[in-house]
PDB file of N, CA and C in Angstrom:
ATOM      1  N   UNK A   1     -48.617  43.388 -26.911  1.00  0.00           N
ATOM      2  CA  UNK A   1     -47.454  43.279 -27.690  1.00  0.00           C
ATOM      3  C   UNK A   1     -46.788  43.409 -28.082  1.00  0.00           C
ATOM      4  N   UNK A   2     -47.467  44.512 -28.910  1.00  0.00           N
ATOM      5  CA  UNK A   2     -46.332  45.502 -29.822  1.00  0.00           C
ATOM      6  C   UNK A   2     -45.747  46.107 -28.729  1.00  0.00           C
ATOM      7  N   UNK A   3     -46.142  46.866 -27.202  1.00  0.00           N
ATOM      8  CA  UNK A   3     -45.425  47.087 -26.215  1.00  0.00           C
ATOM      9  C   UNK A   3     -44.197  46.787 -26.474  1.00  0.00           C
ATOM     10  N   UNK A   4     -44.749  45.477 -25.812  1.00  0.00           N
ATOM     11  CA  UNK A   4     -43.450  44.454 -25.374  1.00  0.00           C
ATOM     12  C   UNK A   4     -41.653  44.481 -26.336  1.00  0.00           C
ATOM     13  N   UNK A   5     -42.047  44.218 -28.285  1.00  0.00           N
ATOM     14  CA  UNK A   5     -41.238  44.521 -28.273  1.00  0.00           C
ATOM     15  C   UNK A   5     -40.949  45.947 -28.800  1.00  0.00           C
ATOM     16  N   UNK A   6     -41.651  46.857 -28.686  1.00  0.00           N
ATOM     17  CA  UNK A   6     -40.720  48.469 -28.829  1.00  0.00           C
ATOM     18  C   UNK A   6     -39.899  48.341 -27.643  1.00  0.00           C
ATOM     19  N   UNK A   7     -40.685  48.291 -26.311  1.00  0.00           N
ATOM     20  CA  UNK A   7     -39.706  47.934 -25.098  1.00  0.00           C
ATOM     21  C   UNK A   7     -38.539  46.797 -25.767  1.00  0.00           C
ATOM     22  N   UNK A   8     -38.458  45.850 -25.938  1.00  0.00           N
ATOM     23  CA  UNK A   8     -37.183  45.841 -25.959  1.00  0.00           C
ATOM     24  C   UNK A   8     -36.430  46.217 -28.083  1.00  0.00           C
ATOM     25  N   UNK A   9     -36.870  46.919 -27.995  1.00  0.00           N
ATOM     26  CA  UNK A   9     -36.012  47.504 -28.958  1.00  0.00           C
ATOM     27  C   UNK A   9     -35.594  48.650 -28.400  1.00  0.00           C
ATOM     28  N   UNK A  10     -35.886  49.139 -27.600  1.00  0.00           N
ATOM     29  CA  UNK A  10     -35.731  50.174 -26.867  1.00  0.00           C
ATOM     30  C   UNK A  10     -34.350  50.296 -26.677  1.00  0.00           C
ATOM     31  N   UNK A  11     -34.860  48.683 -25.234  1.00  0.00           N
ATOM     32  CA  UNK A  11     -33.530  47.677 -24.617  1.00  0.00           C
ATOM     33  C   UNK A  11     -32.274  47.499 -25.816  1.00  0.00           C
ATOM     34  N   UNK A  12     -31.970  47.367 -26.574  1.00  0.00           N
ATOM     35  CA  UNK A  12     -31.788  46.710 -27.356  1.00  0.00           C
ATOM     36  C   UNK A  12     -30.681  48.116 -27.736  1.00  0.00           C
ATOM     37  N   UNK A  13     -30.892  49.210 -28.419  1.00  0.00           N
ATOM     38  CA  UNK A  13     -30.467  50.181 -29.415  1.00  0.00           C
ATOM     39  C   UNK A  13     -30.152  51.021 -27.909  1.00  0.00           C
ATOM     40  N   UNK A  14     -30.611  51.415 -27.157  1.00  0.00           N
ATOM     41  CA  UNK A  14     -29.971  51.571 -25.711  1.00  0.00           C
ATOM     42  C   UNK A  14     -28.565  50.903 -25.460  1.00  0.00           C
ATOM     43  N   UNK A  15     -28.689  49.416 -25.206  1.00  0.00           N
ATOM     44  CA  UNK A  15     -27.114  49.122 -24.956  1.00  0.00           C
ATOM     45  C   UNK A  15     -26.133  48.734 -26.301  1.00  0.00           C
ATOM     46  N   UNK A  16     -26.728  48.818 -27.838  1.00  0.00           N
ATOM     47  CA  UNK A  16     -25.319  49.482 -28.871  1.00  0.00           C
ATOM     48  C   UNK A  16     -25.607  50.729 -28.835  1.00  0.00           C
ATOM     49  N   UNK A  17     -26.193  51.508 -28.230  1.00  0.00           N
ATOM     50  CA  UNK A  17     -25.904  53.225 -28.421  1.00  0.00           C
ATOM     51  C   UNK A  17     -25.073  53.979 -27.272  1.00  0.00           C
ATOM     52  N   UNK A  18     -25.209  53.473 -26.170  1.00  0.00           N
ATOM     53  CA  UNK A  18     -25.782  54.501 -25.168  1.00  0.00           C
ATOM     54  C   UNK A  18     -23.490  54.059 -24.911  1.00  0.00           C
ATOM     55  N   UNK A  19     -23.332  53.358 -25.414  1.00  0.00           N
ATOM     56  CA  UNK A  19     -21.606  53.009 -24.646  1.00  0.00           C
ATOM     57  C   UNK A  19     -20.675  53.395 -25.420  1.00  0.00           C
ATOM     58  N   UNK A  20     -20.550  53.492 -27.011  1.00  0.00           N
ATOM     59  CA  UNK A  20     -20.471  53.998 -28.264  1.00  0.00           C
ATOM     60  C   UNK A  20     -20.600  56.135 -27.477  1.00  0.00           C
ATOM     61  N   UNK A  21     -21.449  56.283 -27.537  1.00  0.00           N
ATOM     62  CA  UNK A  21     -22.387  57.483 -26.752  1.00  0.00           C
ATOM     63  C   UNK A  21     -20.653  58.352 -25.341  1.00  0.00           C
ATOM     64  N   UNK A  22     -20.608  57.277 -24.849  1.00  0.00           N
ATOM     65  CA  UNK A  22     -19.883  57.551 -24.027  1.00  0.00           C
ATOM     66  C   UNK A  22     -18.000  57.233 -23.834  1.00  0.00           C
ATOM     67  N   UNK A  23     -18.137  56.650 -24.992  1.00  0.00           N
ATOM     68  CA  UNK A  23     -16.335  56.354 -25.080  1.00  0.00           C
ATOM     69  C   UNK A  23     -16.309  57.650 -26.456  1.00  0.00           C
ATOM     70  N   UNK A  24     -16.821  57.615 -26.614  1.00  0.00           N
ATOM     71  CA  UNK A  24     -17.202  59.168 -28.195  1.00  0.00           C
ATOM     72  C   UNK A  24     -16.196  60.111 -27.507  1.00  0.00           C
ATOM     73  N   UNK A  25     -15.344  60.159 -26.710  1.00  0.00           N
ATOM     74  CA  UNK A  25     -13.981  61.615 -26.034  1.00  0.00           C
ATOM     75  C   UNK A  25     -13.331  61.793 -27.028  1.00  0.00           C
ATOM     76  N   UNK A  26     -12.208  63.233 -26.936  1.00  0.00           N
ATOM     77  CA  UNK A  26     -12.133  63.883 -27.987  1.00  0.00           C
ATOM     78  C   UNK A  26     -10.840  63.102 -27.873  1.00  0.00           C
ATOM     79  N   UNK A  27     -10.293  61.906 -28.557  1.00  0.00           N
ATOM     80  CA  UNK A  27      -8.798  61.500 -29.078  1.00  0.00           C
ATOM     81  C   UNK A  27      -7.361  62.731 -29.676  1.00  0.00           C
ATOM     82  N   UNK A  28      -6.247  62.103 -27.987  1.00  0.00           N
ATOM     83  CA  UNK A  28      -4.946  63.388 -29.080  1.00  0.00           C
ATOM     84  C   UNK A  28      -4.729  62.694 -30.220  1.00  0.00           C
ATOM     85  N   UNK A  29      -4.577  63.465 -31.010  1.00  0.00           N
ATOM     86  CA  UNK A  29      -3.726  63.909 -32.717  1.00  0.00           C
ATOM     87  C   UNK A  29      -2.282  62.659 -31.703  1.00  0.00           C
ATOM     88  N   UNK A  30      -2.105  62.856 -33.301  1.00  0.00           N
ATOM     89  CA  UNK A  30      -0.285  62.212 -33.059  1.00  0.00           C
ATOM     90  C   UNK A  30       0.645  63.439 -33.139  1.00  0.00           C
ATOM     91  N   UNK A  31       1.363  62.109 -32.160  1.00  0.00           N
ATOM     92  CA  UNK A  31       2.225  63.816 -32.166  1.00  0.00           C
ATOM     93  C   UNK A  31       2.531  65.222 -30.661  1.00  0.00           C
ATOM     94  N   UNK A  32       1.185  65.665 -30.327  1.00  0.00           N
ATOM     95  CA  UNK A  32       0.353  66.214 -29.249  1.00  0.00           C
ATOM     96  C   UNK A  32       0.910  66.269 -27.946  1.00  0.00           C
ATOM     97  N   UNK A  33       1.438  66.846 -27.388  1.00  0.00           N
ATOM     98  CA  UNK A  33       2.290  66.982 -26.236  1.00  0.00           C
ATOM     99  C   UNK A  33       0.541  66.537 -25.051  1.00  0.00           C
ATOM    100  N   UNK A  34       1.345  65.306 -24.674  1.00  0.00           N
ATOM    101  CA  UNK A  34       0.302  65.177 -23.609  1.00  0.00           C
ATOM    102  C   UNK A  34       0.144  65.903 -22.542  1.00  0.00           C
ATOM    103  N   UNK A  35      -0.951  65.258 -21.413  1.00  0.00           N
ATOM    104  CA  UNK A  35      -1.015  66.136 -20.352  1.00  0.00           C
ATOM    105  C   UNK A  35      -0.548  65.211 -19.490  1.00  0.00           C
ATOM    106  N   UNK A  36      -0.501  66.160 -18.460  1.00  0.00           N
ATOM    107  CA  UNK A  36       0.730  65.773 -17.220  1.00  0.00           C
ATOM    108  C   UNK A  36      -0.143  64.444 -16.092  1.00  0.00           C
ATOM    109  N   UNK A  37       0.526  63.945 -15.868  1.00  0.00           N
ATOM    110  CA  UNK A  37      -0.025  63.021 -14.995  1.00  0.00           C
ATOM    111  C   UNK A  37       1.088  62.767 -13.562  1.00  0.00           C
ATOM    112  N   UNK A  38       0.575  61.975 -12.906  1.00  0.00           N
ATOM    113  CA  UNK A  38       1.541  61.306 -12.138  1.00  0.00           C
ATOM    114  C   UNK A  38       1.314  59.723 -11.407  1.00  0.00           C
ATOM    115  N   UNK A  39       2.035  58.785 -11.910  1.00  0.00           N
ATOM    116  CA  UNK A  39       2.075  57.314 -11.526  1.00  0.00           C
ATOM    117  C   UNK A  39       2.409  56.687 -10.214  1.00  0.00           C
ATOM    118  N   UNK A  40       2.046  55.627  -9.943  1.00  0.00           N
ATOM    119  CA  UNK A  40       3.117  55.394  -9.362  1.00  0.00           C
ATOM    120  C   UNK A  40       4.303  54.219  -9.795  1.00  0.00           C
ATOM    121  N   UNK A  41       5.291  53.490  -9.115  1.00  0.00           N
ATOM    122  CA  UNK A  41       6.655  53.113  -9.610  1.00  0.00           C
ATOM    123  C   UNK A  41       6.004  52.091  -9.527  1.00  0.00           C
ATOM    124  N   UNK A  42       7.034  50.977  -9.452  1.00  0.00           N
ATOM    125  CA  UNK A  42       7.139  49.905  -9.238  1.00  0.00           C
ATOM    126  C   UNK A  42       7.567  50.170  -7.704  1.00  0.00           C
ATOM    127  N   UNK A  43       8.809  50.390  -7.439  1.00  0.00           N
ATOM    128  CA  UNK A  43       9.632  51.254  -5.966  1.00  0.00           C
ATOM    129  C   UNK A  43       8.271  51.715  -5.052  1.00  0.00           C
ATOM    130  N   UNK A  44       8.081  51.804  -4.956  1.00  0.00           N
ATOM    131  CA  UNK A  44       6.498  53.082  -3.716  1.00  0.00           C
ATOM    132  C   UNK A  44       6.354  54.415  -4.487  1.00  0.00           C
ATOM    133  N   UNK A  45       7.551  55.006  -4.745  1.00  0.00           N
ATOM    134  CA  UNK A  45       7.110  56.038  -5.103  1.00  0.00           C
ATOM    135  C   UNK A  45       5.956  56.877  -6.126  1.00  0.00           C
ATOM    136  N   UNK A  46       6.603  57.665  -6.653  1.00  0.00           N
ATOM    137  CA  UNK A  46       5.001  58.097  -7.686  1.00  0.00           C
ATOM    138  C   UNK A  46       6.636  59.267  -8.977  1.00  0.00           C
ATOM    139  N   UNK A  47       5.719  58.801 -10.210  1.00  0.00           N
ATOM    140  CA  UNK A  47       6.335  59.498 -11.236  1.00  0.00           C
ATOM    141  C   UNK A  47       5.316  60.319 -12.173  1.00  0.00           C
ATOM    142  N   UNK A  48       6.800  61.900 -12.099  1.00  0.00           N
ATOM    143  CA  UNK A  48       5.046  62.739 -13.225  1.00  0.00           C
ATOM    144  C   UNK A  48       6.214  62.393 -14.541  1.00  0.00           C
ATOM    145  N   UNK A  49       5.206  63.151 -15.027  1.00  0.00           N
ATOM    146  CA  UNK A  49       5.040  63.508 -16.072  1.00  0.00           C
ATOM    147  C   UNK A  49       6.456  64.594 -16.522  1.00  0.00           C
ATOM    148  N   UNK A  50       6.088  64.881 -16.295  1.00  0.00           N
ATOM    149  CA  UNK A  50       7.058  66.558 -15.920  1.00  0.00           C
ATOM    150  C   UNK A  50       8.303  66.289 -15.565  1.00  0.00           C
ATOM    151  N   UNK A  51       8.317  65.621 -15.164  1.00  0.00           N
ATOM    152  CA  UNK A  51       9.791  65.639 -14.543  1.00  0.00           C
ATOM    153  C   UNK A  51      10.995  64.451 -16.011  1.00  0.00           C
ATOM    154  N   UNK A  52      10.147  64.503 -16.837  1.00  0.00           N
ATOM    155  CA  UNK A  52      10.764  64.581 -18.228  1.00  0.00           C
ATOM    156  C   UNK A  52      10.374  65.071 -19.047  1.00  0.00           C
ATOM    157  N   UNK A  53      10.831  66.340 -18.915  1.00  0.00           N
ATOM    158  CA  UNK A  53      10.636  67.485 -19.597  1.00  0.00           C
ATOM    159  C   UNK A  53      10.659  67.490 -21.358  1.00  0.00           C
ATOM    160  N   UNK A  54      11.548  67.442 -22.458  1.00  0.00           N
ATOM    161  CA  UNK A  54      12.303  67.780 -22.795  1.00  0.00           C
ATOM    162  C   UNK A  54      13.108  66.380 -22.849  1.00  0.00           C
ATOM    163  N   UNK A  55      12.313  65.330 -22.402  1.00  0.00           N
ATOM    164  CA  UNK A  55      13.146  64.192 -23.000  1.00  0.00           C
ATOM    165  C   UNK A  55      12.264  63.490 -23.864  1.00  0.00           C
ATOM    166  N   UNK A  56      12.951  62.669 -24.296  1.00  0.00           N
ATOM    167  CA  UNK A  56      11.464  61.529 -25.203  1.00  0.00           C
ATOM    168  C   UNK A  56      11.435  59.961 -23.999  1.00  0.00           C
ATOM    169  N   UNK A  57      10.279  59.595 -23.940  1.00  0.00           N
ATOM    170  CA  UNK A  57       9.180  59.141 -22.989  1.00  0.00           C
ATOM    171  C   UNK A  57       8.893  58.571 -23.541  1.00  0.00           C
ATOM    172  N   UNK A  58       9.086  57.377 -23.238  1.00  0.00           N
ATOM    173  CA  UNK A  58       7.970  56.024 -24.155  1.00  0.00           C
ATOM    174  C   UNK A  58       6.971  55.820 -23.252  1.00  0.00           C
ATOM    175  N   UNK A  59       5.781  55.057 -23.758  1.00  0.00           N
ATOM    176  CA  UNK A  59       4.518  54.721 -22.249  1.00  0.00           C
ATOM    177  C   UNK A  59       3.852  54.142 -23.445  1.00  0.00           C
ATOM    178  N   UNK A  60       3.831  52.356 -22.265  1.00  0.00           N
ATOM    179  CA  UNK A  60       3.891  51.687 -23.187  1.00  0.00           C
ATOM    180  C   UNK A  60       1.735  50.911 -21.942  1.00  0.00           C
ATOM    181  N   UNK A  61       0.647  51.034 -22.444  1.00  0.00           N
ATOM    182  CA  UNK A  61       0.177  50.450 -21.010  1.00  0.00           C
ATOM    183  C   UNK A  61      -0.264  48.617 -22.211  1.00  0.00           C
ATOM    184  N   UNK A  62      -0.031  48.152 -21.509  1.00  0.00           N
ATOM    185  CA  UNK A  62      -1.253  46.577 -21.557  1.00  0.00           C
ATOM    186  C   UNK A  62      -2.050  45.784 -20.279  1.00  0.00           C
ATOM    187  N   UNK A  63      -2.753  44.506 -20.977  1.00  0.00           N
ATOM    188  CA  UNK A  63      -3.547  45.003 -19.967  1.00  0.00           C
ATOM    189  C   UNK A  63      -3.470  44.725 -18.703  1.00  0.00           C
ATOM    190  N   UNK A  64      -4.123  43.778 -18.085  1.00  0.00           N
ATOM    191  CA  UNK A  64      -3.406  43.164 -16.880  1.00  0.00           C
ATOM    192  C   UNK A  64      -3.085  41.646 -16.846  1.00  0.00           C
ATOM    193  N   UNK A  65      -1.917  41.423 -16.512  1.00  0.00           N
ATOM    194  CA  UNK A  65      -1.581  39.483 -16.147  1.00  0.00           C
ATOM    195  C   UNK A  65      -2.775  38.978 -15.955  1.00  0.00           C
ATOM    196  N   UNK A  66      -2.376  37.620 -16.943  1.00  0.00           N
ATOM    197  CA  UNK A  66      -3.760  36.777 -16.915  1.00  0.00           C
ATOM    198  C   UNK A  66      -5.362  37.320 -17.158  1.00  0.00           C
ATOM    199  N   UNK A  67      -5.254  37.623 -17.503  1.00  0.00           N
ATOM    200  CA  UNK A  67      -6.898  38.644 -18.202  1.00  0.00           C
ATOM    201  C   UNK A  67      -6.928  38.961 -19.526  1.00  0.00           C
ATOM    202  N   UNK A  68      -8.728  37.723 -19.896  1.00  0.00           N
ATOM    203  CA  UNK A  68      -8.665  38.206 -21.202  1.00  0.00           C
ATOM    204  C   UNK A  68      -9.070  39.456 -22.359  1.00  0.00           C
ATOM    205  N   UNK A  69      -8.009  39.797 -23.039  1.00  0.00           N
ATOM    206  CA  UNK A  69      -8.176  40.778 -24.001  1.00  0.00           C
ATOM    207  C   UNK A  69      -6.544  41.471 -23.805  1.00  0.00           C
TER     208      UNK A  69
END
């Protein structure tokens, strides 16, 4: 019985701790230079961040439409 309780506690701890460890990547600081990336445009082409070097760029992310969160 004690082994089952310990196993349940280990599983609960793993479920709570592992996601936090995996998501603890270094966050960029405000005002730092963004890494270069390429994203698809609404016209089917691609947009590269380096094409806008030296200009102001606003990047906005939002959840997919009709999804929770």
